[in-house]
Amino acid sequence: MKLILILALAASTLAAPAQEKKPIATLTVAYTYLWADQGGHYRANLNGWNVRPAVPLGRGYSMFLSFTNYYGKNAKGSVNSHGFTLGVAKTVFPTSHIKPSIFAESGDVRSSSAGTITHQYQAAAGASLSFPLRPWVSLTVVPAEYVFLFPHSDWRNDYNAKIGFTFPIGKR
């Protein structure tokens, strides 16, 4: 009887899959496109880049900082915009081939256009898809992000899309 228990215990430990090591953090670097509300029923197409370090919190949650720059032109001339936000993401229904997530973030946007610099409150929410390519890189796509800005007591509604690569940093 003891032999059966010992064999059963040994078999259960051998059959258990190895625990996947999770990264300590991740770093996403991406191209970004913004369909920007400029007020007065005018929109501008802005292009730029995004850097997003993130730290996993457990149970599919992560906290991230997002640094985004946009460049382009509007009716007043050239536009240069820098966003700095803090957010939380939640991975939902992940598989080995795709890891969808939803996120919300808030922060500050510093914009300069026609010699005028403004700071404006930003709140954003969206969904992203991550496709693992190799253990050291994933393709990350943000097909839809709604961005709310509030400059000079004037509501602005922007839409953002991003595509880039996510790299794990360290293992625990």
N, C-alpha and C. Protein backbone atom coordinates (compact mmCIF):
# COMPACT_ATOMS: atom_id res chain seq x y z
N MET A 1 0.82 -1.19 0.00
CA MET A 1 0.00 0.00 0.00
C MET A 1 0.88 1.26 0.00
N LYS A 2 1.93 1.26 0.84
CA LYS A 2 2.84 2.39 0.88
C LYS A 2 3.53 2.58 -0.47
N LEU A 3 3.87 1.47 -1.12
CA LEU A 3 4.52 1.54 -2.42
C LEU A 3 3.61 2.20 -3.44
N ILE A 4 2.32 1.90 -3.42
CA ILE A 4 1.35 2.49 -4.35
C ILE A 4 1.25 4.00 -4.11
N LEU A 5 1.20 4.41 -2.85
CA LEU A 5 1.15 5.84 -2.53
C LEU A 5 2.40 6.56 -2.98
N ILE A 6 3.56 5.95 -2.79
CA ILE A 6 4.83 6.56 -3.20
C ILE A 6 4.88 6.68 -4.72
N LEU A 7 4.46 5.63 -5.45
CA LEU A 7 4.44 5.68 -6.90
C LEU A 7 3.45 6.73 -7.42
N ALA A 8 2.28 6.82 -6.78
CA ALA A 8 1.27 7.81 -7.19
C ALA A 8 1.79 9.23 -6.97
N LEU A 9 2.45 9.46 -5.83
CA LEU A 9 3.01 10.78 -5.54
C LEU A 9 4.13 11.11 -6.53
N ALA A 10 4.97 10.17 -6.83
CA ALA A 10 6.06 10.39 -7.80
C ALA A 10 5.50 10.67 -9.19
N ALA A 11 4.49 9.94 -9.60
CA ALA A 11 3.88 10.14 -10.92
C ALA A 11 3.22 11.51 -11.01
N SER A 12 2.58 11.96 -9.93
CA SER A 12 1.92 13.26 -9.98
C SER A 12 2.93 14.40 -10.07
N THR A 13 4.08 14.25 -9.43
CA THR A 13 5.09 15.31 -9.53
C THR A 13 5.77 15.28 -10.89
N LEU A 14 5.92 14.11 -11.49
CA LEU A 14 6.51 14.03 -12.83
C LEU A 14 5.57 14.55 -13.89
N ALA A 15 4.27 14.33 -13.71
CA ALA A 15 3.29 14.73 -14.72
C ALA A 15 2.97 16.22 -14.66
N ALA A 16 3.29 16.89 -13.55
CA ALA A 16 2.98 18.31 -13.42
C ALA A 16 3.85 19.11 -14.38
N PRO A 17 3.23 20.01 -15.15
CA PRO A 17 4.02 20.81 -16.08
C PRO A 17 4.89 21.81 -15.32
N ALA A 18 6.00 22.13 -15.91
CA ALA A 18 6.90 23.09 -15.28
C ALA A 18 6.23 24.46 -15.23
N GLN A 19 6.41 25.15 -14.13
CA GLN A 19 5.83 26.47 -13.95
C GLN A 19 6.51 27.45 -14.91
N GLU A 20 5.72 28.14 -15.75
CA GLU A 20 6.28 29.10 -16.68
C GLU A 20 6.79 30.31 -15.91
N LYS A 21 8.02 30.71 -16.20
CA LYS A 21 8.59 31.87 -15.52
C LYS A 21 8.03 33.13 -16.17
N LYS A 22 7.54 34.01 -15.33
CA LYS A 22 6.95 35.27 -15.78
C LYS A 22 8.01 36.36 -15.79
N PRO A 23 7.88 37.34 -16.69
CA PRO A 23 8.85 38.44 -16.70
C PRO A 23 8.63 39.37 -15.50
N ILE A 24 9.68 40.02 -15.08
CA ILE A 24 9.60 41.01 -14.01
C ILE A 24 8.89 42.25 -14.53
N ALA A 25 9.12 42.57 -15.81
CA ALA A 25 8.50 43.73 -16.45
C ALA A 25 8.46 43.48 -17.96
N THR A 26 7.79 44.34 -18.68
CA THR A 26 7.80 44.30 -20.14
C THR A 26 8.02 45.71 -20.66
N LEU A 27 8.50 45.80 -21.89
CA LEU A 27 8.70 47.09 -22.54
C LEU A 27 8.12 46.99 -23.94
N THR A 28 7.17 47.87 -24.24
CA THR A 28 6.56 47.92 -25.57
C THR A 28 7.04 49.18 -26.27
N VAL A 29 7.45 49.03 -27.52
CA VAL A 29 7.85 50.13 -28.37
C VAL A 29 6.98 50.05 -29.62
N ALA A 30 6.28 51.16 -29.95
CA ALA A 30 5.28 51.07 -31.01
C ALA A 30 5.19 52.35 -31.85
N TYR A 31 4.73 52.17 -33.10
CA TYR A 31 4.28 53.28 -33.95
C TYR A 31 2.85 53.59 -33.53
N THR A 32 2.46 54.85 -33.55
CA THR A 32 1.11 55.21 -33.18
C THR A 32 0.52 56.22 -34.15
N TYR A 33 -0.77 56.09 -34.39
CA TYR A 33 -1.53 56.99 -35.27
C TYR A 33 -2.67 57.57 -34.46
N LEU A 34 -2.87 58.88 -34.55
CA LEU A 34 -3.94 59.55 -33.79
C LEU A 34 -4.80 60.36 -34.74
N TRP A 35 -6.10 60.12 -34.69
CA TRP A 35 -7.07 60.93 -35.41
C TRP A 35 -7.53 61.96 -34.39
N ALA A 36 -6.95 63.16 -34.44
CA ALA A 36 -7.06 64.13 -33.36
C ALA A 36 -8.11 65.19 -33.63
N ASP A 37 -8.98 65.38 -32.65
CA ASP A 37 -9.98 66.44 -32.66
C ASP A 37 -9.27 67.76 -32.34
N GLN A 38 -9.30 68.71 -33.27
CA GLN A 38 -8.64 70.00 -33.07
C GLN A 38 -9.61 71.10 -32.66
N GLY A 39 -10.88 70.73 -32.48
CA GLY A 39 -11.92 71.72 -32.15
C GLY A 39 -12.50 72.32 -33.42
N GLY A 40 -13.66 72.90 -33.31
CA GLY A 40 -14.31 73.54 -34.47
C GLY A 40 -14.60 72.56 -35.59
N HIS A 41 -14.90 71.32 -35.28
CA HIS A 41 -15.21 70.25 -36.24
C HIS A 41 -14.07 69.99 -37.22
N TYR A 42 -12.83 70.21 -36.76
CA TYR A 42 -11.65 69.96 -37.58
C TYR A 42 -10.84 68.84 -36.93
N ARG A 43 -10.35 67.91 -37.75
CA ARG A 43 -9.52 66.80 -37.25
C ARG A 43 -8.20 66.79 -37.99
N ALA A 44 -7.17 66.33 -37.30
CA ALA A 44 -5.84 66.22 -37.89
C ALA A 44 -5.36 64.78 -37.74
N ASN A 45 -4.58 64.32 -38.70
CA ASN A 45 -3.95 63.00 -38.64
C ASN A 45 -2.54 63.18 -38.13
N LEU A 46 -2.26 62.59 -36.95
CA LEU A 46 -0.94 62.72 -36.35
C LEU A 46 -0.28 61.35 -36.25
N ASN A 47 1.00 61.30 -36.46
CA ASN A 47 1.77 60.06 -36.37
C ASN A 47 2.85 60.24 -35.31
N GLY A 48 3.29 59.12 -34.74
CA GLY A 48 4.32 59.22 -33.73
C GLY A 48 4.77 57.87 -33.22
N TRP A 49 5.26 57.87 -32.00
CA TRP A 49 5.77 56.64 -31.38
C TRP A 49 5.33 56.59 -29.93
N ASN A 50 5.41 55.38 -29.36
CA ASN A 50 4.97 55.14 -28.00
C ASN A 50 5.95 54.18 -27.33
N VAL A 51 6.30 54.47 -26.08
CA VAL A 51 7.11 53.57 -25.25
C VAL A 51 6.29 53.30 -23.99
N ARG A 52 6.14 52.02 -23.65
CA ARG A 52 5.28 51.66 -22.53
C ARG A 52 5.91 50.57 -21.66
N PRO A 53 6.61 50.95 -20.58
CA PRO A 53 7.07 49.93 -19.62
C PRO A 53 5.89 49.51 -18.74
N ALA A 54 5.83 48.22 -18.42
CA ALA A 54 4.73 47.69 -17.59
C ALA A 54 5.29 46.70 -16.58
N VAL A 55 4.60 46.61 -15.45
CA VAL A 55 4.96 45.68 -14.38
C VAL A 55 3.74 44.83 -14.06
N PRO A 56 3.86 43.49 -14.13
CA PRO A 56 2.71 42.64 -13.79
C PRO A 56 2.39 42.72 -12.30
N LEU A 57 1.10 42.76 -11.98
CA LEU A 57 0.65 42.82 -10.59
C LEU A 57 0.08 41.49 -10.11
N GLY A 58 -0.15 40.55 -11.01
CA GLY A 58 -0.76 39.26 -10.67
C GLY A 58 -2.20 39.20 -11.14
N ARG A 59 -2.69 37.96 -11.31
CA ARG A 59 -4.06 37.70 -11.75
C ARG A 59 -4.42 38.39 -13.06
N GLY A 60 -3.44 38.57 -13.94
CA GLY A 60 -3.68 39.15 -15.25
C GLY A 60 -3.64 40.67 -15.29
N TYR A 61 -3.43 41.32 -14.16
CA TYR A 61 -3.36 42.78 -14.11
C TYR A 61 -1.91 43.25 -14.27
N SER A 62 -1.76 44.43 -14.83
CA SER A 62 -0.44 45.07 -14.89
C SER A 62 -0.63 46.58 -14.78
N MET A 63 0.42 47.24 -14.31
CA MET A 63 0.43 48.69 -14.23
C MET A 63 1.48 49.17 -15.22
N PHE A 64 1.18 50.28 -15.92
CA PHE A 64 2.11 50.76 -16.93
C PHE A 64 2.22 52.28 -16.92
N LEU A 65 3.32 52.76 -17.45
CA LEU A 65 3.53 54.16 -17.79
C LEU A 65 3.54 54.22 -19.30
N SER A 66 2.98 55.26 -19.86
CA SER A 66 2.97 55.39 -21.31
C SER A 66 3.54 56.76 -21.69
N PHE A 67 4.52 56.75 -22.58
CA PHE A 67 5.13 57.96 -23.09
C PHE A 67 4.89 57.98 -24.59
N THR A 68 4.14 58.99 -25.06
CA THR A 68 3.74 59.04 -26.46
C THR A 68 4.09 60.39 -27.05
N ASN A 69 4.60 60.39 -28.27
CA ASN A 69 4.86 61.63 -29.01
C ASN A 69 4.13 61.56 -30.34
N TYR A 70 3.51 62.68 -30.71
CA TYR A 70 2.82 62.78 -32.00
C TYR A 70 3.34 64.01 -32.74
N TYR A 71 3.41 63.88 -34.06
CA TYR A 71 3.86 64.97 -34.90
C TYR A 71 2.94 65.06 -36.10
N GLY A 72 2.70 66.25 -36.59
CA GLY A 72 1.87 66.43 -37.78
C GLY A 72 1.55 67.89 -37.99
N LYS A 73 0.48 68.15 -38.76
CA LYS A 73 0.06 69.51 -39.07
C LYS A 73 -1.43 69.64 -38.87
N ASN A 74 -1.84 70.84 -38.45
CA ASN A 74 -3.26 71.17 -38.40
C ASN A 74 -3.46 72.50 -39.11
N ALA A 75 -4.63 73.13 -38.97
CA ALA A 75 -4.92 74.38 -39.67
C ALA A 75 -4.00 75.52 -39.22
N LYS A 76 -3.45 75.45 -38.00
CA LYS A 76 -2.58 76.51 -37.47
C LYS A 76 -1.11 76.30 -37.85
N GLY A 77 -0.74 75.11 -38.30
CA GLY A 77 0.66 74.82 -38.62
C GLY A 77 1.07 73.48 -38.05
N SER A 78 2.34 73.36 -37.70
CA SER A 78 2.83 72.07 -37.20
C SER A 78 2.38 71.84 -35.76
N VAL A 79 2.21 70.55 -35.43
CA VAL A 79 1.77 70.13 -34.10
C VAL A 79 2.82 69.18 -33.55
N ASN A 80 3.16 69.37 -32.29
CA ASN A 80 4.08 68.48 -31.58
C ASN A 80 3.43 68.21 -30.24
N SER A 81 3.10 66.95 -29.97
CA SER A 81 2.35 66.61 -28.76
C SER A 81 3.06 65.47 -28.02
N HIS A 82 3.13 65.60 -26.68
CA HIS A 82 3.77 64.59 -25.83
C HIS A 82 2.80 64.18 -24.74
N GLY A 83 2.50 62.88 -24.65
CA GLY A 83 1.59 62.38 -23.63
C GLY A 83 2.34 61.57 -22.57
N PHE A 84 1.96 61.77 -21.31
CA PHE A 84 2.54 61.05 -20.18
C PHE A 84 1.39 60.52 -19.33
N THR A 85 1.19 59.20 -19.31
CA THR A 85 0.06 58.64 -18.60
C THR A 85 0.47 57.45 -17.72
N LEU A 86 -0.40 57.15 -16.77
CA LEU A 86 -0.27 56.00 -15.88
C LEU A 86 -1.55 55.20 -16.04
N GLY A 87 -1.42 53.87 -16.17
CA GLY A 87 -2.62 53.08 -16.40
C GLY A 87 -2.55 51.67 -15.84
N VAL A 88 -3.67 50.98 -15.98
CA VAL A 88 -3.82 49.60 -15.54
C VAL A 88 -4.41 48.80 -16.71
N ALA A 89 -3.86 47.60 -16.92
CA ALA A 89 -4.36 46.71 -17.97
C ALA A 89 -4.76 45.38 -17.36
N LYS A 90 -5.70 44.69 -17.99
CA LYS A 90 -6.16 43.37 -17.54
C LYS A 90 -6.19 42.44 -18.74
N THR A 91 -5.43 41.36 -18.68
CA THR A 91 -5.45 40.35 -19.73
C THR A 91 -6.74 39.54 -19.58
N VAL A 92 -7.45 39.35 -20.69
CA VAL A 92 -8.73 38.62 -20.66
C VAL A 92 -8.70 37.49 -21.70
N PHE A 93 -9.11 36.31 -21.32
CA PHE A 93 -9.21 35.14 -22.19
C PHE A 93 -7.93 34.84 -22.98
N PRO A 94 -6.77 34.77 -22.31
CA PRO A 94 -5.52 34.52 -23.04
C PRO A 94 -5.41 33.07 -23.51
N THR A 95 -4.73 32.88 -24.63
CA THR A 95 -4.37 31.56 -25.13
C THR A 95 -2.87 31.59 -25.41
N SER A 96 -2.32 30.49 -25.87
CA SER A 96 -0.88 30.48 -26.17
C SER A 96 -0.56 31.28 -27.44
N HIS A 97 -1.59 31.56 -28.28
CA HIS A 97 -1.35 32.25 -29.55
C HIS A 97 -1.76 33.72 -29.54
N ILE A 98 -2.62 34.11 -28.61
CA ILE A 98 -3.10 35.49 -28.55
C ILE A 98 -3.44 35.85 -27.11
N LYS A 99 -3.06 37.07 -26.73
CA LYS A 99 -3.32 37.54 -25.38
C LYS A 99 -4.04 38.89 -25.46
N PRO A 100 -5.38 38.87 -25.48
CA PRO A 100 -6.13 40.13 -25.50
C PRO A 100 -6.12 40.80 -24.13
N SER A 101 -6.19 42.11 -24.12
CA SER A 101 -6.29 42.83 -22.85
C SER A 101 -7.09 44.11 -23.04
N ILE A 102 -7.60 44.61 -21.94
CA ILE A 102 -8.28 45.90 -21.91
C ILE A 102 -7.49 46.80 -20.97
N PHE A 103 -7.58 48.11 -21.17
CA PHE A 103 -6.79 49.00 -20.35
C PHE A 103 -7.47 50.36 -20.19
N ALA A 104 -7.06 51.07 -19.16
CA ALA A 104 -7.48 52.45 -18.92
C ALA A 104 -6.26 53.21 -18.40
N GLU A 105 -6.16 54.47 -18.79
CA GLU A 105 -5.02 55.27 -18.38
C GLU A 105 -5.43 56.74 -18.27
N SER A 106 -4.63 57.50 -17.54
CA SER A 106 -4.92 58.91 -17.34
C SER A 106 -3.60 59.65 -17.15
N GLY A 107 -3.57 60.92 -17.56
CA GLY A 107 -2.35 61.68 -17.39
C GLY A 107 -2.42 63.05 -18.02
N ASP A 108 -1.28 63.51 -18.52
CA ASP A 108 -1.12 64.86 -19.05
C ASP A 108 -0.62 64.80 -20.49
N VAL A 109 -1.11 65.73 -21.32
CA VAL A 109 -0.62 65.88 -22.69
C VAL A 109 -0.11 67.32 -22.82
N ARG A 110 1.12 67.44 -23.28
CA ARG A 110 1.71 68.74 -23.56
C ARG A 110 1.76 68.90 -25.06
N SER A 111 1.07 69.91 -25.57
CA SER A 111 1.01 70.14 -27.02
C SER A 111 1.55 71.52 -27.35
N SER A 112 2.24 71.61 -28.48
CA SER A 112 2.66 72.91 -28.98
C SER A 112 2.23 73.02 -30.44
N SER A 113 1.62 74.16 -30.74
CA SER A 113 1.14 74.42 -32.09
C SER A 113 1.11 75.93 -32.28
N ALA A 114 1.67 76.40 -33.37
CA ALA A 114 1.70 77.83 -33.71
C ALA A 114 2.27 78.67 -32.57
N GLY A 115 3.30 78.17 -31.89
CA GLY A 115 3.96 78.92 -30.84
C GLY A 115 3.24 78.90 -29.50
N THR A 116 2.13 78.17 -29.39
CA THR A 116 1.37 78.09 -28.15
C THR A 116 1.56 76.72 -27.52
N ILE A 117 1.87 76.70 -26.22
CA ILE A 117 2.03 75.43 -25.50
C ILE A 117 0.87 75.29 -24.53
N THR A 118 0.23 74.12 -24.56
CA THR A 118 -0.87 73.84 -23.64
C THR A 118 -0.64 72.51 -22.95
N HIS A 119 -1.12 72.42 -21.72
CA HIS A 119 -1.17 71.15 -20.99
C HIS A 119 -2.64 70.81 -20.84
N GLN A 120 -2.97 69.55 -21.07
CA GLN A 120 -4.37 69.15 -21.00
C GLN A 120 -4.51 67.79 -20.35
N TYR A 121 -5.60 67.62 -19.62
CA TYR A 121 -5.91 66.35 -18.97
C TYR A 121 -6.27 65.32 -20.04
N GLN A 122 -5.80 64.08 -19.87
CA GLN A 122 -6.11 62.99 -20.79
C GLN A 122 -6.62 61.79 -20.01
N ALA A 123 -7.67 61.18 -20.52
CA ALA A 123 -8.14 59.89 -20.04
C ALA A 123 -8.35 59.03 -21.28
N ALA A 124 -7.96 57.77 -21.21
CA ALA A 124 -8.06 56.90 -22.38
C ALA A 124 -8.44 55.49 -21.94
N ALA A 125 -9.08 54.77 -22.84
CA ALA A 125 -9.43 53.37 -22.60
C ALA A 125 -9.41 52.66 -23.94
N GLY A 126 -9.07 51.37 -23.92
CA GLY A 126 -9.02 50.64 -25.17
C GLY A 126 -8.77 49.16 -24.97
N ALA A 127 -8.48 48.51 -26.08
CA ALA A 127 -8.21 47.08 -26.09
C ALA A 127 -6.95 46.83 -26.91
N SER A 128 -6.21 45.80 -26.53
CA SER A 128 -5.00 45.45 -27.27
C SER A 128 -4.93 43.94 -27.46
N LEU A 129 -4.17 43.53 -28.46
CA LEU A 129 -3.92 42.13 -28.75
C LEU A 129 -2.42 41.92 -28.80
N SER A 130 -1.95 40.88 -28.13
CA SER A 130 -0.53 40.55 -28.15
C SER A 130 -0.37 39.16 -28.73
N PHE A 131 0.48 39.04 -29.74
CA PHE A 131 0.74 37.78 -30.42
C PHE A 131 2.18 37.35 -30.15
N PRO A 132 2.41 36.37 -29.27
CA PRO A 132 3.78 35.92 -29.01
C PRO A 132 4.43 35.38 -30.29
N LEU A 133 5.59 35.92 -30.65
CA LEU A 133 6.33 35.47 -31.83
C LEU A 133 7.46 34.52 -31.43
N ARG A 134 8.17 34.89 -30.39
CA ARG A 134 9.28 34.13 -29.82
C ARG A 134 9.21 34.35 -28.31
N PRO A 135 9.97 33.59 -27.53
CA PRO A 135 9.95 33.84 -26.08
C PRO A 135 10.42 35.25 -25.70
N TRP A 136 11.16 35.91 -26.56
CA TRP A 136 11.71 37.22 -26.25
C TRP A 136 11.02 38.38 -26.94
N VAL A 137 9.96 38.14 -27.72
CA VAL A 137 9.26 39.24 -28.39
C VAL A 137 7.83 38.84 -28.75
N SER A 138 6.93 39.82 -28.65
CA SER A 138 5.53 39.65 -29.08
C SER A 138 5.15 40.83 -29.96
N LEU A 139 4.28 40.58 -30.93
CA LEU A 139 3.70 41.65 -31.74
C LEU A 139 2.49 42.16 -30.96
N THR A 140 2.44 43.47 -30.73
CA THR A 140 1.33 44.05 -29.98
C THR A 140 0.58 45.03 -30.87
N VAL A 141 -0.75 44.90 -30.90
CA VAL A 141 -1.61 45.73 -31.72
C VAL A 141 -2.69 46.34 -30.83
N VAL A 142 -2.84 47.65 -30.91
CA VAL A 142 -3.93 48.35 -30.25
C VAL A 142 -4.82 48.87 -31.37
N PRO A 143 -5.86 48.09 -31.75
CA PRO A 143 -6.69 48.51 -32.87
C PRO A 143 -7.63 49.66 -32.54
N ALA A 144 -7.94 49.84 -31.26
CA ALA A 144 -8.91 50.88 -30.88
C ALA A 144 -8.63 51.40 -29.48
N GLU A 145 -8.35 52.70 -29.42
CA GLU A 145 -8.19 53.37 -28.13
C GLU A 145 -8.93 54.70 -28.23
N TYR A 146 -9.85 54.92 -27.32
CA TYR A 146 -10.55 56.20 -27.24
C TYR A 146 -9.77 57.11 -26.31
N VAL A 147 -9.49 58.33 -26.75
CA VAL A 147 -8.72 59.28 -25.96
C VAL A 147 -9.58 60.53 -25.75
N PHE A 148 -9.82 60.87 -24.49
CA PHE A 148 -10.57 62.07 -24.13
C PHE A 148 -9.59 63.12 -23.63
N LEU A 149 -9.63 64.31 -24.23
CA LEU A 149 -8.79 65.42 -23.81
C LEU A 149 -9.70 66.57 -23.38
N PHE A 150 -9.19 67.40 -22.48
CA PHE A 150 -9.99 68.51 -21.96
C PHE A 150 -9.16 69.79 -21.90
N PRO A 151 -8.78 70.36 -23.07
CA PRO A 151 -8.02 71.61 -23.05
C PRO A 151 -8.96 72.82 -22.98
N HIS A 152 -8.63 73.79 -22.16
CA HIS A 152 -9.36 75.06 -22.09
C HIS A 152 -10.88 74.86 -21.95
N SER A 153 -11.30 73.90 -21.13
CA SER A 153 -12.73 73.61 -20.91
C SER A 153 -13.45 73.24 -22.21
N ASP A 154 -12.73 72.62 -23.13
CA ASP A 154 -13.27 72.23 -24.43
C ASP A 154 -13.05 70.73 -24.62
N TRP A 155 -14.11 69.95 -24.66
CA TRP A 155 -14.01 68.50 -24.78
C TRP A 155 -13.45 68.13 -26.15
N ARG A 156 -12.52 67.18 -26.16
CA ARG A 156 -11.95 66.66 -27.41
C ARG A 156 -12.02 65.15 -27.39
N ASN A 157 -12.40 64.54 -28.49
CA ASN A 157 -12.51 63.09 -28.61
C ASN A 157 -11.59 62.62 -29.71
N ASP A 158 -10.56 61.87 -29.34
CA ASP A 158 -9.57 61.37 -30.29
C ASP A 158 -9.63 59.85 -30.35
N TYR A 159 -9.14 59.30 -31.46
CA TYR A 159 -9.06 57.84 -31.63
C TYR A 159 -7.63 57.48 -32.01
N ASN A 160 -7.12 56.46 -31.37
CA ASN A 160 -5.72 56.09 -31.49
C ASN A 160 -5.58 54.63 -31.90
N ALA A 161 -4.55 54.32 -32.65
CA ALA A 161 -4.19 52.94 -33.01
C ALA A 161 -2.67 52.83 -32.91
N LYS A 162 -2.20 51.65 -32.45
CA LYS A 162 -0.76 51.44 -32.28
C LYS A 162 -0.38 50.04 -32.75
N ILE A 163 0.86 49.91 -33.22
CA ILE A 163 1.40 48.59 -33.55
C ILE A 163 2.89 48.61 -33.21
N GLY A 164 3.34 47.56 -32.52
CA GLY A 164 4.73 47.52 -32.13
C GLY A 164 5.13 46.18 -31.55
N PHE A 165 6.23 46.19 -30.83
CA PHE A 165 6.78 44.97 -30.26
C PHE A 165 6.91 45.10 -28.74
N THR A 166 6.64 43.99 -28.04
CA THR A 166 6.77 43.93 -26.59
C THR A 166 7.88 42.95 -26.24
N PHE A 167 8.76 43.39 -25.35
CA PHE A 167 9.90 42.60 -24.93
C PHE A 167 9.81 42.33 -23.42
N PRO A 168 9.95 41.07 -22.99
CA PRO A 168 9.98 40.78 -21.55
C PRO A 168 11.33 41.21 -20.98
N ILE A 169 11.32 41.62 -19.71
CA ILE A 169 12.54 42.03 -19.03
C ILE A 169 12.68 41.18 -17.78
N GLY A 170 13.73 40.36 -17.72
CA GLY A 170 13.99 39.51 -16.55
C GLY A 170 12.98 38.38 -16.40
N LYS A 171 13.23 37.50 -15.45
CA LYS A 171 12.34 36.38 -15.13
C LYS A 171 12.28 36.23 -13.62
N ARG A 172 11.10 35.85 -13.13
CA ARG A 172 11.02 35.56 -11.68
C ARG A 172 10.65 34.14 -11.46
